Amino acid sequence: MKKLFSVILVLAVLLSCAAALAEEPVTLTYAEVNPVEGTVVGDVALAFKDKLEELSGGSVLVDIQASGVMGDEKTVLANILGGDTSVDVVRISAFALNQYGAKKSVFLTLPYVFTSEDHYWKFVESDLAKEMLAESKEAGLPFNGLAYGEEGFRHFFSKTEVKTIEDLKGLKIRVSDDPIMTGMIAGLGAAFTPVSFGELYSALQTGVVDCAEQPITNYLSNSFQEVAPYMIKDGHTLGTIELIVTDAALAKLTEEQQAMVQEAADYAMQVCKESVTAKQEEAEKKLIEMGCTVTEVEDKTPWQEATKAVLEENIAGMEDIYDAIVALQ
């Protein structure tokens, strides 16, 4: 009898432990290359975290690893493709998937495609955007596109003052190492210099590069104004962003929780839409107060002409998509 009681007691303890384990929350690691504080992408990360934890009642938690702790975007993507499961959700530049088979995403980095942020958000709400988000799965990549957003137009900033397109000629410029951006730099008469994002501050400080480009909020939040205090607001591309979630992460969740991840991503991008303009205006005001020189480009025609070749080369065979995006203005 005592033995039977002991067996029952052991079984009860085991069942209790199993129930406790079943109730353990799932933690998703969220990678972001920029700081959370003061950035649009930081707002996106926090909004995603708060909404998902609220929707799931705490059964799904989000651990935000910002400031490039998990590596830059290129490294994180490469690791995921290599089977690494240390990152579950990552905010990437929307064009980053182009080199992995998501061909339509090229339109999200081509120079001067979007004329305004309103133009871009009309695209985000279109069926075409949904098609582009689905490209990663169609290409057989181990993650899902969740939602698009943006962090403002990207502008050049430099160690010496740049007032016109002519002033860029001959400068060593750091941009993302992809054919669109490097082709754009060539069209502007400058020289592409590869530098990882994490090393950009020191590269500017030491003169390895003369110039780089980022949305204005990222320029401020990474303190680039300390070593490159001149910005020219040419708005060559919009800082389009995308949230992706890995297949491995979704496999840890129930169908209901997976739906919550999508809902949280949609919510985060709505927060993005509502905050991006104010964030940019606030950042520019602070930069000017710090003594930075911010130059407006009044006429973008010369810039558009200089980068026309890279545009035409990359829309070849997909002119209908380009026309559809332009028509959304």
C-alpha atoms as a PDB file:
ATOM      1  CA  MET A   1       0.000   0.000   0.000  1.00  0.00           C
ATOM      2  CA  LYS A   2       2.831   2.310   0.926  1.00  0.00           C
ATOM      3  CA  LYS A   3       4.539   1.531  -2.379  1.00  0.00           C
ATOM      4  CA  LEU A   4       1.345   2.306  -4.301  1.00  0.00           C
ATOM      5  CA  PHE A   5       0.991   5.580  -2.421  1.00  0.00           C
ATOM      6  CA  SER A   6       4.625   6.462  -3.219  1.00  0.00           C
ATOM      7  CA  VAL A   7       4.088   5.709  -6.924  1.00  0.00           C
ATOM      8  CA  ILE A   8       0.970   7.863  -6.976  1.00  0.00           C
ATOM      9  CA  LEU A   9       2.828  10.665  -5.220  1.00  0.00           C
ATOM     10  CA  VAL A  10       5.707  10.499  -7.716  1.00  0.00           C
ATOM     11  CA  LEU A  11       3.260  10.528 -10.632  1.00  0.00           C
ATOM     12  CA  ALA A  12       1.469  13.512  -9.158  1.00  0.00           C
ATOM     13  CA  VAL A  13       4.745  15.396  -8.812  1.00  0.00           C
ATOM     14  CA  LEU A  14       5.719  14.534 -12.390  1.00  0.00           C
ATOM     15  CA  LEU A  15       2.354  15.642 -13.726  1.00  0.00           C
ATOM     16  CA  SER A  16       2.629  18.857 -11.745  1.00  0.00           C
ATOM     17  CA  CYS A  17       6.104  19.522 -13.196  1.00  0.00           C
ATOM     18  CA  ALA A  18       4.867  18.745 -16.713  1.00  0.00           C
ATOM     19  CA  ALA A  19       1.989  21.180 -16.278  1.00  0.00           C
ATOM     20  CA  ALA A  20       4.380  23.850 -15.013  1.00  0.00           C
ATOM     21  CA  LEU A  21       6.678  23.290 -17.977  1.00  0.00           C
ATOM     22  CA  ALA A  22       3.728  23.508 -20.363  1.00  0.00           C
ATOM     23  CA  GLU A  23       2.905  26.909 -18.916  1.00  0.00           C
ATOM     24  CA  GLU A  24       6.442  28.235 -19.330  1.00  0.00           C
ATOM     25  CA  PRO A  25       6.346  31.242 -21.675  1.00  0.00           C
ATOM     26  CA  VAL A  26       8.103  31.125 -25.028  1.00  0.00           C
ATOM     27  CA  THR A  27      10.731  33.834 -25.435  1.00  0.00           C
ATOM     28  CA  LEU A  28      11.446  35.189 -28.908  1.00  0.00           C
ATOM     29  CA  THR A  29      14.764  36.976 -29.469  1.00  0.00           C
ATOM     30  CA  TYR A  30      14.341  40.142 -31.536  1.00  0.00           C
ATOM     31  CA  ALA A  31      17.441  41.533 -33.302  1.00  0.00           C
ATOM     32  CA  GLU A  32      17.897  45.217 -34.131  1.00  0.00           C
ATOM     33  CA  VAL A  33      21.123  46.815 -35.356  1.00  0.00           C
ATOM     34  CA  ASN A  34      20.259  50.324 -34.125  1.00  0.00           C
ATOM     35  CA  PRO A  35      19.696  51.569 -30.570  1.00  0.00           C
ATOM     36  CA  VAL A  36      16.133  51.433 -29.248  1.00  0.00           C
ATOM     37  CA  GLU A  37      16.230  54.897 -27.719  1.00  0.00           C
ATOM     38  CA  GLY A  38      15.335  57.739 -30.089  1.00  0.00           C
ATOM     39  CA  THR A  39      14.902  55.668 -33.256  1.00  0.00           C
ATOM     40  CA  VAL A  40      11.871  54.777 -35.351  1.00  0.00           C
ATOM     41  CA  VAL A  41      13.033  51.154 -35.463  1.00  0.00           C
ATOM     42  CA  GLY A  42      13.314  51.227 -31.684  1.00  0.00           C
ATOM     43  CA  ASP A  43       9.668  52.292 -31.482  1.00  0.00           C
ATOM     44  CA  VAL A  44       8.790  49.397 -33.800  1.00  0.00           C
ATOM     45  CA  ALA A  45      10.648  46.894 -31.595  1.00  0.00           C
ATOM     46  CA  LEU A  46       9.000  48.113 -28.399  1.00  0.00           C
ATOM     47  CA  ALA A  47       5.538  48.230 -29.978  1.00  0.00           C
ATOM     48  CA  PHE A  48       5.933  44.662 -31.260  1.00  0.00           C
ATOM     49  CA  LYS A  49       7.105  43.434 -27.862  1.00  0.00           C
ATOM     50  CA  ASP A  50       4.368  45.179 -25.881  1.00  0.00           C
ATOM     51  CA  LYS A  51       1.545  44.134 -28.207  1.00  0.00           C
ATOM     52  CA  LEU A  52       2.617  40.487 -28.508  1.00  0.00           C
ATOM     53  CA  GLU A  53       3.071  40.094 -24.764  1.00  0.00           C
ATOM     54  CA  GLU A  54      -0.332  41.742 -24.222  1.00  0.00           C
ATOM     55  CA  LEU A  55      -2.134  39.613 -26.822  1.00  0.00           C
ATOM     56  CA  SER A  56      -0.587  36.387 -25.555  1.00  0.00           C
ATOM     57  CA  GLY A  57      -1.198  37.157 -21.896  1.00  0.00           C
ATOM     58  CA  GLY A  58       2.514  36.718 -21.295  1.00  0.00           C
ATOM     59  CA  SER A  59       2.708  33.277 -22.889  1.00  0.00           C
ATOM     60  CA  VAL A  60       5.028  34.757 -25.533  1.00  0.00           C
ATOM     61  CA  LEU A  61       7.768  37.143 -24.413  1.00  0.00           C
ATOM     62  CA  VAL A  62      10.079  39.231 -26.599  1.00  0.00           C
ATOM     63  CA  ASP A  63      13.754  39.789 -25.738  1.00  0.00           C
ATOM     64  CA  ILE A  64      14.966  42.813 -27.717  1.00  0.00           C
ATOM     65  CA  GLN A  65      18.679  42.651 -28.534  1.00  0.00           C
ATOM     66  CA  ALA A  66      19.472  46.081 -30.004  1.00  0.00           C
ATOM     67  CA  SER A  67      22.551  48.081 -31.049  1.00  0.00           C
ATOM     68  CA  GLY A  68      23.877  45.232 -33.179  1.00  0.00           C
ATOM     69  CA  VAL A  69      24.412  42.817 -30.263  1.00  0.00           C
ATOM     70  CA  MET A  70      23.379  39.906 -32.496  1.00  0.00           C
ATOM     71  CA  GLY A  71      25.375  41.251 -35.453  1.00  0.00           C
ATOM     72  CA  ASP A  72      24.500  43.525 -38.353  1.00  0.00           C
ATOM     73  CA  GLU A  73      21.540  42.746 -40.617  1.00  0.00           C
ATOM     74  CA  LYS A  74      23.665  40.937 -43.180  1.00  0.00           C
ATOM     75  CA  THR A  75      25.247  38.710 -40.519  1.00  0.00           C
ATOM     76  CA  VAL A  76      21.930  37.912 -38.834  1.00  0.00           C
ATOM     77  CA  LEU A  77      20.347  36.947 -42.148  1.00  0.00           C
ATOM     78  CA  ALA A  78      23.335  34.810 -43.125  1.00  0.00           C
ATOM     79  CA  ASN A  79      23.216  33.055 -39.756  1.00  0.00           C
ATOM     80  CA  ILE A  80      19.512  32.294 -40.090  1.00  0.00           C
ATOM     81  CA  LEU A  81      20.044  30.912 -43.576  1.00  0.00           C
ATOM     82  CA  GLY A  82      22.840  28.780 -42.171  1.00  0.00           C
ATOM     83  CA  GLY A  83      20.515  27.191 -39.641  1.00  0.00           C
ATOM     84  CA  ASP A  84      21.304  29.333 -36.598  1.00  0.00           C
ATOM     85  CA  THR A  85      18.294  29.688 -34.260  1.00  0.00           C
ATOM     86  CA  SER A  86      19.597  32.332 -31.845  1.00  0.00           C
ATOM     87  CA  VAL A  87      17.418  35.011 -33.483  1.00  0.00           C
ATOM     88  CA  ASP A  88      13.663  34.561 -33.938  1.00  0.00           C
ATOM     89  CA  VAL A  89      12.506  37.948 -35.212  1.00  0.00           C
ATOM     90  CA  VAL A  90      14.608  40.554 -36.982  1.00  0.00           C
ATOM     91  CA  ARG A  91      14.003  43.999 -38.390  1.00  0.00           C
ATOM     92  CA  ILE A  92      15.787  44.256 -41.718  1.00  0.00           C
ATOM     93  CA  SER A  93      16.117  46.785 -44.500  1.00  0.00           C
ATOM     94  CA  ALA A  94      13.339  45.698 -46.854  1.00  0.00           C
ATOM     95  CA  PHE A  95      15.630  45.367 -49.871  1.00  0.00           C
ATOM     96  CA  ALA A  96      17.998  42.924 -48.105  1.00  0.00           C
ATOM     97  CA  LEU A  97      16.104  39.882 -49.377  1.00  0.00           C
ATOM     98  CA  ASN A  98      16.627  40.776 -53.013  1.00  0.00           C
ATOM     99  CA  GLN A  99      19.926  38.880 -53.149  1.00  0.00           C
ATOM    100  CA  TYR A 100      18.198  35.792 -51.735  1.00  0.00           C
ATOM    101  CA  GLY A 101      15.542  35.455 -54.431  1.00  0.00           C
ATOM    102  CA  ALA A 102      12.926  38.010 -53.395  1.00  0.00           C
ATOM    103  CA  LYS A 103      13.388  39.876 -56.668  1.00  0.00           C
ATOM    104  CA  LYS A 104      10.502  42.332 -56.343  1.00  0.00           C
ATOM    105  CA  SER A 105      12.003  43.800 -53.184  1.00  0.00           C
ATOM    106  CA  VAL A 106      14.499  45.608 -55.417  1.00  0.00           C
ATOM    107  CA  PHE A 107      11.888  48.350 -55.811  1.00  0.00           C
ATOM    108  CA  LEU A 108      12.232  49.167 -52.129  1.00  0.00           C
ATOM    109  CA  THR A 109      15.798  50.410 -52.531  1.00  0.00           C
ATOM    110  CA  LEU A 110      15.911  51.890 -56.032  1.00  0.00           C
ATOM    111  CA  PRO A 111      16.721  55.614 -55.944  1.00  0.00           C
ATOM    112  CA  TYR A 112      13.894  58.123 -56.065  1.00  0.00           C
ATOM    113  CA  VAL A 113      11.085  55.570 -56.539  1.00  0.00           C
ATOM    114  CA  PHE A 114       8.967  56.935 -53.694  1.00  0.00           C
ATOM    115  CA  THR A 115       8.225  60.642 -53.900  1.00  0.00           C
ATOM    116  CA  SER A 116       6.926  60.984 -50.346  1.00  0.00           C
ATOM    117  CA  GLU A 117       6.172  58.964 -47.253  1.00  0.00           C
ATOM    118  CA  ASP A 118       2.455  59.132 -48.076  1.00  0.00           C
ATOM    119  CA  HIS A 119       3.306  57.517 -51.430  1.00  0.00           C
ATOM    120  CA  TYR A 120       5.122  54.705 -49.635  1.00  0.00           C
ATOM    121  CA  TRP A 121       2.306  54.010 -47.174  1.00  0.00           C
ATOM    122  CA  LYS A 122      -0.141  53.721 -50.075  1.00  0.00           C
ATOM    123  CA  PHE A 123       2.168  51.019 -51.394  1.00  0.00           C
ATOM    124  CA  VAL A 124       2.292  49.291 -47.978  1.00  0.00           C
ATOM    125  CA  GLU A 125      -1.502  49.070 -47.966  1.00  0.00           C
ATOM    126  CA  SER A 126      -1.642  47.696 -51.519  1.00  0.00           C
ATOM    127  CA  ASP A 127      -1.943  44.119 -52.771  1.00  0.00           C
ATOM    128  CA  LEU A 128       1.491  44.535 -54.352  1.00  0.00           C
ATOM    129  CA  ALA A 129       3.067  44.896 -50.889  1.00  0.00           C
ATOM    130  CA  LYS A 130       1.392  41.659 -49.777  1.00  0.00           C
ATOM    131  CA  GLU A 131       2.854  39.901 -52.838  1.00  0.00           C
ATOM    132  CA  MET A 132       6.317  41.161 -51.967  1.00  0.00           C
ATOM    133  CA  LEU A 133       6.028  40.054 -48.333  1.00  0.00           C
ATOM    134  CA  ALA A 134       5.165  36.550 -49.560  1.00  0.00           C
ATOM    135  CA  GLU A 135       8.265  36.361 -51.775  1.00  0.00           C
ATOM    136  CA  SER A 136      10.535  35.003 -49.043  1.00  0.00           C
ATOM    137  CA  LYS A 137       8.440  31.868 -48.631  1.00  0.00           C
ATOM    138  CA  GLU A 138       8.012  31.491 -52.394  1.00  0.00           C
ATOM    139  CA  ALA A 139      11.811  31.596 -52.680  1.00  0.00           C
ATOM    140  CA  GLY A 140      12.121  28.806 -50.112  1.00  0.00           C
ATOM    141  CA  LEU A 141      13.704  30.963 -47.416  1.00  0.00           C
ATOM    142  CA  PRO A 142      13.373  29.817 -43.785  1.00  0.00           C
ATOM    143  CA  PHE A 143      11.359  32.809 -42.597  1.00  0.00           C
ATOM    144  CA  ASN A 144       8.131  34.726 -43.221  1.00  0.00           C
ATOM    145  CA  GLY A 145       7.713  38.385 -44.103  1.00  0.00           C
ATOM    146  CA  LEU A 146       5.381  39.927 -41.522  1.00  0.00           C
ATOM    147  CA  ALA A 147       4.977  43.616 -42.327  1.00  0.00           C
ATOM    148  CA  TYR A 148       6.539  46.660 -43.984  1.00  0.00           C
ATOM    149  CA  GLY A 149       7.330  50.022 -42.439  1.00  0.00           C
ATOM    150  CA  GLU A 150       9.844  52.832 -42.852  1.00  0.00           C
ATOM    151  CA  GLU A 151      12.278  54.963 -40.885  1.00  0.00           C
ATOM    152  CA  GLY A 152      12.344  58.052 -43.097  1.00  0.00           C
ATOM    153  CA  PHE A 153      14.253  59.032 -46.203  1.00  0.00           C
ATOM    154  CA  ARG A 154      17.973  58.281 -46.256  1.00  0.00           C
ATOM    155  CA  HIS A 155      20.433  61.157 -46.647  1.00  0.00           C
ATOM    156  CA  PHE A 156      24.194  61.511 -47.031  1.00  0.00           C
ATOM    157  CA  PHE A 157      26.301  62.781 -44.127  1.00  0.00           C
ATOM    158  CA  SER A 158      29.978  63.668 -44.357  1.00  0.00           C
ATOM    159  CA  LYS A 159      33.144  64.867 -42.676  1.00  0.00           C
ATOM    160  CA  THR A 160      33.364  67.887 -44.997  1.00  0.00           C
ATOM    161  CA  GLU A 161      30.446  69.964 -46.216  1.00  0.00           C
ATOM    162  CA  VAL A 162      28.518  68.717 -49.253  1.00  0.00           C
ATOM    163  CA  LYS A 163      26.252  71.346 -50.786  1.00  0.00           C
ATOM    164  CA  THR A 164      25.665  69.918 -54.264  1.00  0.00           C
ATOM    165  CA  ILE A 165      25.872  66.647 -56.145  1.00  0.00           C
ATOM    166  CA  GLU A 166      29.247  67.779 -57.502  1.00  0.00           C
ATOM    167  CA  ASP A 167      30.688  67.803 -53.988  1.00  0.00           C
ATOM    168  CA  LEU A 168      30.196  64.035 -53.720  1.00  0.00           C
ATOM    169  CA  LYS A 169      32.508  63.248 -56.615  1.00  0.00           C
ATOM    170  CA  GLY A 170      35.621  61.394 -55.517  1.00  0.00           C
ATOM    171  CA  LEU A 171      34.473  60.870 -51.922  1.00  0.00           C
ATOM    172  CA  LYS A 172      34.809  57.474 -50.251  1.00  0.00           C
ATOM    173  CA  ILE A 173      31.263  56.562 -49.287  1.00  0.00           C
ATOM    174  CA  ARG A 174      30.002  53.725 -47.139  1.00  0.00           C
ATOM    175  CA  VAL A 175      26.649  52.241 -48.199  1.00  0.00           C
ATOM    176  CA  SER A 176      25.146  48.777 -47.865  1.00  0.00           C
ATOM    177  CA  ASP A 177      27.132  46.293 -49.916  1.00  0.00           C
ATOM    178  CA  ASP A 178      24.496  45.534 -52.517  1.00  0.00           C
ATOM    179  CA  PRO A 179      24.493  46.231 -56.284  1.00  0.00           C
ATOM    180  CA  ILE A 180      21.757  48.879 -56.133  1.00  0.00           C
ATOM    181  CA  MET A 181      23.479  51.056 -53.568  1.00  0.00           C
ATOM    182  CA  THR A 182      26.958  50.610 -54.993  1.00  0.00           C
ATOM    183  CA  GLY A 183      25.606  51.324 -58.481  1.00  0.00           C
ATOM    184  CA  MET A 184      24.000  54.498 -57.186  1.00  0.00           C
ATOM    185  CA  ILE A 185      27.307  55.620 -55.673  1.00  0.00           C
ATOM    186  CA  ALA A 186      29.078  54.990 -58.985  1.00  0.00           C
ATOM    187  CA  GLY A 187      26.440  57.081 -60.763  1.00  0.00           C
ATOM    188  CA  LEU A 188      27.105  59.935 -58.359  1.00  0.00           C
ATOM    189  CA  GLY A 189      30.821  59.798 -59.209  1.00  0.00           C
ATOM    190  CA  ALA A 190      31.907  58.654 -55.758  1.00  0.00           C
ATOM    191  CA  ALA A 191      33.776  55.532 -54.596  1.00  0.00           C
ATOM    192  CA  PHE A 192      32.084  52.753 -52.627  1.00  0.00           C
ATOM    193  CA  THR A 193      34.084  51.716 -49.565  1.00  0.00           C
ATOM    194  CA  PRO A 194      32.886  48.591 -47.703  1.00  0.00           C
ATOM    195  CA  VAL A 195      32.611  49.016 -43.934  1.00  0.00           C
ATOM    196  CA  SER A 196      30.357  47.122 -41.531  1.00  0.00           C
ATOM    197  CA  PHE A 197      27.761  49.229 -39.763  1.00  0.00           C
ATOM    198  CA  GLY A 198      29.314  48.507 -36.380  1.00  0.00           C
ATOM    199  CA  GLU A 199      32.650  49.940 -37.569  1.00  0.00           C
ATOM    200  CA  LEU A 200      31.228  52.975 -39.360  1.00  0.00           C
ATOM    201  CA  TYR A 201      31.778  55.491 -36.548  1.00  0.00           C
ATOM    202  CA  SER A 202      35.485  54.701 -36.283  1.00  0.00           C
ATOM    203  CA  ALA A 203      35.821  54.543 -40.087  1.00  0.00           C
ATOM    204  CA  LEU A 204      34.502  58.095 -40.334  1.00  0.00           C
ATOM    205  CA  GLN A 205      36.617  59.208 -37.399  1.00  0.00           C
ATOM    206  CA  THR A 206      39.831  57.863 -38.921  1.00  0.00           C
ATOM    207  CA  GLY A 207      39.100  58.857 -42.513  1.00  0.00           C
ATOM    208  CA  VAL A 208      38.647  55.338 -43.887  1.00  0.00           C
ATOM    209  CA  VAL A 209      35.450  56.775 -45.360  1.00  0.00           C
ATOM    210  CA  ASP A 210      34.459  60.386 -45.984  1.00  0.00           C
ATOM    211  CA  CYS A 211      30.736  59.953 -46.117  1.00  0.00           C
ATOM    212  CA  ALA A 212      27.855  57.559 -45.422  1.00  0.00           C
ATOM    213  CA  GLU A 213      24.063  57.587 -45.466  1.00  0.00           C
ATOM    214  CA  GLN A 214      21.253  56.798 -43.047  1.00  0.00           C
ATOM    215  CA  PRO A 215      17.820  58.068 -42.063  1.00  0.00           C
ATOM    216  CA  ILE A 216      18.235  61.168 -39.930  1.00  0.00           C
ATOM    217  CA  THR A 217      17.093  59.448 -36.700  1.00  0.00           C
ATOM    218  CA  ASN A 218      19.751  56.745 -37.059  1.00  0.00           C
ATOM    219  CA  TYR A 219      22.371  59.398 -37.829  1.00  0.00           C
ATOM    220  CA  LEU A 220      21.619  61.039 -34.484  1.00  0.00           C
ATOM    221  CA  SER A 221      21.090  57.906 -32.375  1.00  0.00           C
ATOM    222  CA  ASN A 222      24.449  56.447 -33.465  1.00  0.00           C
ATOM    223  CA  SER A 223      26.217  59.780 -32.756  1.00  0.00           C
ATOM    224  CA  PHE A 224      27.576  59.993 -36.313  1.00  0.00           C
ATOM    225  CA  GLN A 225      27.234  63.777 -36.140  1.00  0.00           C
ATOM    226  CA  GLU A 226      30.247  63.773 -33.811  1.00  0.00           C
ATOM    227  CA  VAL A 227      32.558  62.634 -36.606  1.00  0.00           C
ATOM    228  CA  ALA A 228      30.590  63.692 -39.704  1.00  0.00           C
ATOM    229  CA  PRO A 229      28.721  66.912 -38.870  1.00  0.00           C
ATOM    230  CA  TYR A 230      27.377  67.700 -42.348  1.00  0.00           C
ATOM    231  CA  MET A 231      24.161  66.278 -43.785  1.00  0.00           C
ATOM    232  CA  ILE A 232      22.643  66.888 -47.211  1.00  0.00           C
ATOM    233  CA  LYS A 233      18.986  65.918 -47.395  1.00  0.00           C
ATOM    234  CA  ASP A 234      18.784  64.396 -50.853  1.00  0.00           C
ATOM    235  CA  GLY A 235      16.404  61.585 -49.874  1.00  0.00           C
ATOM    236  CA  HIS A 236      17.897  59.169 -52.410  1.00  0.00           C
ATOM    237  CA  THR A 237      15.936  56.217 -51.030  1.00  0.00           C
ATOM    238  CA  LEU A 238      13.339  55.696 -48.364  1.00  0.00           C
ATOM    239  CA  GLY A 239      14.475  53.692 -45.368  1.00  0.00           C
ATOM    240  CA  THR A 240      12.001  50.886 -45.974  1.00  0.00           C
ATOM    241  CA  ILE A 241      11.964  48.198 -43.300  1.00  0.00           C
ATOM    242  CA  GLU A 242      10.506  44.722 -42.900  1.00  0.00           C
ATOM    243  CA  LEU A 243       9.884  42.458 -39.949  1.00  0.00           C
ATOM    244  CA  ILE A 244      10.561  38.779 -40.524  1.00  0.00           C
ATOM    245  CA  VAL A 245      10.022  35.772 -38.257  1.00  0.00           C
ATOM    246  CA  THR A 246      11.898  32.507 -38.670  1.00  0.00           C
ATOM    247  CA  ASP A 247      10.279  29.146 -39.333  1.00  0.00           C
ATOM    248  CA  ALA A 248      12.050  27.824 -36.222  1.00  0.00           C
ATOM    249  CA  ALA A 249      10.378  30.517 -34.101  1.00  0.00           C
ATOM    250  CA  LEU A 250       6.915  29.781 -35.486  1.00  0.00           C
ATOM    251  CA  ALA A 251       7.436  26.080 -34.788  1.00  0.00           C
ATOM    252  CA  LYS A 252       7.663  26.934 -31.066  1.00  0.00           C
ATOM    253  CA  LEU A 253       4.235  28.578 -31.113  1.00  0.00           C
ATOM    254  CA  THR A 254       0.642  27.438 -31.352  1.00  0.00           C
ATOM    255  CA  GLU A 255      -1.434  28.542 -34.362  1.00  0.00           C
ATOM    256  CA  GLU A 256      -3.164  31.054 -32.115  1.00  0.00           C
ATOM    257  CA  GLN A 257       0.171  32.491 -30.982  1.00  0.00           C
ATOM    258  CA  GLN A 258       1.400  32.639 -34.579  1.00  0.00           C
ATOM    259  CA  ALA A 259      -1.609  34.779 -35.449  1.00  0.00           C
ATOM    260  CA  MET A 260      -0.708  37.035 -32.525  1.00  0.00           C
ATOM    261  CA  VAL A 261       2.804  37.503 -33.948  1.00  0.00           C
ATOM    262  CA  GLN A 262       1.268  38.765 -37.193  1.00  0.00           C
ATOM    263  CA  GLU A 263      -1.138  41.046 -35.345  1.00  0.00           C
ATOM    264  CA  ALA A 264       1.697  42.464 -33.244  1.00  0.00           C
ATOM    265  CA  ALA A 265       3.771  43.131 -36.380  1.00  0.00           C
ATOM    266  CA  ASP A 266       0.874  44.954 -38.049  1.00  0.00           C
ATOM    267  CA  TYR A 267       0.367  47.014 -34.905  1.00  0.00           C
ATOM    268  CA  ALA A 268       4.078  47.875 -34.677  1.00  0.00           C
ATOM    269  CA  MET A 269       4.086  49.189 -38.236  1.00  0.00           C
ATOM    270  CA  GLN A 270       1.019  51.316 -37.523  1.00  0.00           C
ATOM    271  CA  VAL A 271       2.961  52.831 -34.622  1.00  0.00           C
ATOM    272  CA  CYS A 272       5.811  53.360 -37.068  1.00  0.00           C
ATOM    273  CA  LYS A 273       3.551  55.203 -39.509  1.00  0.00           C
ATOM    274  CA  GLU A 274       2.235  57.463 -36.775  1.00  0.00           C
ATOM    275  CA  SER A 275       5.613  58.312 -35.238  1.00  0.00           C
ATOM    276  CA  VAL A 276       8.088  58.486 -38.114  1.00  0.00           C
ATOM    277  CA  THR A 277       7.489  62.113 -39.162  1.00  0.00           C
ATOM    278  CA  ALA A 278       7.663  63.508 -35.628  1.00  0.00           C
ATOM    279  CA  LYS A 279      10.795  61.468 -34.876  1.00  0.00           C
ATOM    280  CA  GLN A 280      12.573  62.878 -37.952  1.00  0.00           C
ATOM    281  CA  GLU A 281      11.592  66.462 -37.166  1.00  0.00           C
ATOM    282  CA  GLU A 282      12.736  66.062 -33.562  1.00  0.00           C
ATOM    283  CA  ALA A 283      16.076  64.567 -34.665  1.00  0.00           C
ATOM    284  CA  GLU A 284      16.762  67.352 -37.165  1.00  0.00           C
ATOM    285  CA  LYS A 285      16.006  70.013 -34.574  1.00  0.00           C
ATOM    286  CA  LYS A 286      18.433  68.414 -32.113  1.00  0.00           C
ATOM    287  CA  LEU A 287      21.154  68.106 -34.755  1.00  0.00           C
ATOM    288  CA  ILE A 288      20.913  71.771 -35.695  1.00  0.00           C
ATOM    289  CA  GLU A 289      21.031  72.727 -32.002  1.00  0.00           C
ATOM    290  CA  MET A 290      24.226  70.642 -31.720  1.00  0.00           C
ATOM    291  CA  GLY A 291      25.814  72.687 -34.500  1.00  0.00           C
ATOM    292  CA  CYS A 292      25.368  70.291 -37.412  1.00  0.00           C
ATOM    293  CA  THR A 293      24.951  71.738 -40.887  1.00  0.00           C
ATOM    294  CA  VAL A 294      21.834  70.388 -42.605  1.00  0.00           C
ATOM    295  CA  THR A 295      21.427  71.270 -46.273  1.00  0.00           C
ATOM    296  CA  GLU A 296      18.159  70.831 -48.188  1.00  0.00           C
ATOM    297  CA  VAL A 297      18.224  69.681 -51.821  1.00  0.00           C
ATOM    298  CA  GLU A 298      15.747  71.932 -53.585  1.00  0.00           C
ATOM    299  CA  ASP A 299      16.011  70.351 -57.034  1.00  0.00           C
ATOM    300  CA  LYS A 300      16.492  66.572 -57.195  1.00  0.00           C
ATOM    301  CA  THR A 301      16.561  66.444 -61.003  1.00  0.00           C
ATOM    302  CA  PRO A 302      20.392  66.188 -61.269  1.00  0.00           C
ATOM    303  CA  TRP A 303      20.384  63.424 -58.645  1.00  0.00           C
ATOM    304  CA  GLN A 304      17.681  61.496 -60.476  1.00  0.00           C
ATOM    305  CA  GLU A 305      19.563  61.810 -63.768  1.00  0.00           C
ATOM    306  CA  ALA A 306      22.837  60.653 -62.194  1.00  0.00           C
ATOM    307  CA  THR A 307      21.200  57.499 -60.811  1.00  0.00           C
ATOM    308  CA  LYS A 308      18.922  56.785 -63.777  1.00  0.00           C
ATOM    309  CA  ALA A 309      21.117  53.982 -65.147  1.00  0.00           C
ATOM    310  CA  VAL A 310      20.904  51.852 -62.007  1.00  0.00           C
ATOM    311  CA  LEU A 311      17.147  52.373 -61.915  1.00  0.00           C
ATOM    312  CA  GLU A 312      16.597  51.339 -65.526  1.00  0.00           C
ATOM    313  CA  GLU A 313      18.932  48.356 -65.247  1.00  0.00           C
ATOM    314  CA  ASN A 314      17.068  46.936 -62.272  1.00  0.00           C
ATOM    315  CA  ILE A 315      13.492  47.434 -63.425  1.00  0.00           C
ATOM    316  CA  ALA A 316      14.169  45.698 -66.771  1.00  0.00           C
ATOM    317  CA  GLY A 317      11.467  43.068 -67.262  1.00  0.00           C
ATOM    318  CA  MET A 318       9.496  44.402 -64.300  1.00  0.00           C
ATOM    319  CA  GLU A 319       8.449  47.770 -65.711  1.00  0.00           C
ATOM    320  CA  ASP A 320       4.811  46.972 -64.964  1.00  0.00           C
ATOM    321  CA  ILE A 321       5.566  46.767 -61.239  1.00  0.00           C
ATOM    322  CA  TYR A 322       7.477  50.035 -61.359  1.00  0.00           C
ATOM    323  CA  ASP A 323       4.575  51.714 -63.174  1.00  0.00           C
ATOM    324  CA  ALA A 324       2.132  50.322 -60.599  1.00  0.00           C
ATOM    325  CA  ILE A 325       4.187  51.758 -57.721  1.00  0.00           C
ATOM    326  CA  VAL A 326       4.544  55.148 -59.424  1.00  0.00           C
ATOM    327  CA  ALA A 327       0.781  55.222 -60.053  1.00  0.00           C
ATOM    328  CA  LEU A 328       0.145  55.051 -56.291  1.00  0.00           C
ATOM    329  CA  GLN A 329       1.373  58.641 -55.780  1.00  0.00           C
END
